[in-house]
Amino acid sequence: MHKILVTGANGQLGRAIKRLFGEKYSLLLCDLPEMDITSLTACRNAVREFQPDIIINAAAYTNVERAEDEPDAVFAVNAVGAHNLALACRESDAKLIHISTDYIFDGSRGTPYGEYDSPNPMSIYGKSKLWSENLIRDICDRFFIVRTSWLYGDGHNFVRTMLRLAEERSEVTIVADQHGTPTYAGDLAAFLKQLMHTEYYGIYHATNAGSCTWYDFACQIFACAGRTTAVQPIKTEAYPVKARRPLYSVLDNKMLRLRGFAPLRSWQEALAEYIKNGLK
């Protein structure tokens, strides 16, 4: 039985991995405060004790807005934490799966980004995740860097926020000029389950199929949930924020296709099932 250490186990992807992997694999589910990935000693001790075959790093500082005010804290978790796990993996010869983001791109070109297109992050969060990728590539031989986007699952996310607002308001205003792909954590976990048994190391993009704006996403959420809440589109500049976000961060899952993996289903189909199954 393969032994898998999962960081960020209480997050949306971590919970999806627990549900999907629990019966077939021996899991060590780690999160704060039990394990702090910013400590190399903590990472080494966990790996030496459990001796995993695979480490899935789903831990991250993901508050994009707050990150602008706490750059050192963000880099400590996202970059140094990933570096620590990479060092521990190299010492133990474990495979490392690291989750990254579409926010490493600036979204300026308006067409989907492939795995080896040039990154240019605009936010502290995006910069910290790009650093994490580079640190892993410097240290590890047996790694998978998996970039995804607009993730939702069992936890706080855009879908839950919209459904909560639908209970409170008859109308919401949503940004309509940022394009990406909503990705269901359960579908991403299923892809990781396939990928981790291969030797196809490198960078992958993994999102549900298709793309939309946040406005489109909200409209589809309400349609699937049978809500009549009105959605008014606005432009990004009408919703002032500290962190700059890419206007177009759709990912082309090219390596996934080229390596013969089945594409993830459409984002609309995944969303409908998620809502039907009680937001799990």
Foldseek 3Di string as FASTA:
>chain_A
DFEEEEEPLVDFLNVLLCVVCVPPYHYHYYYPPQAQLLDLVRLLVVCVVRVGQEYEYPDADPPQQVCQVVLVVRLSCQQSSLLSNLQSCLVSVHAYEYEAELQQAQQPPVDADEQPDDGDHQTSNSVSNVNSVVSNVVRDDRYEYEYEYQEFFPDDHDLVVLVVVLVVDQEDEFEFQAKEAYAYSNLVSVVCVVVSVDSPHDYFYAGADDMGGRQVVSVLSCVLVVGNRHYHYDHPVVPDGDTDGHSYRYHDRVVCVVVPHDHHHHRSVVSSVCVVVPRD
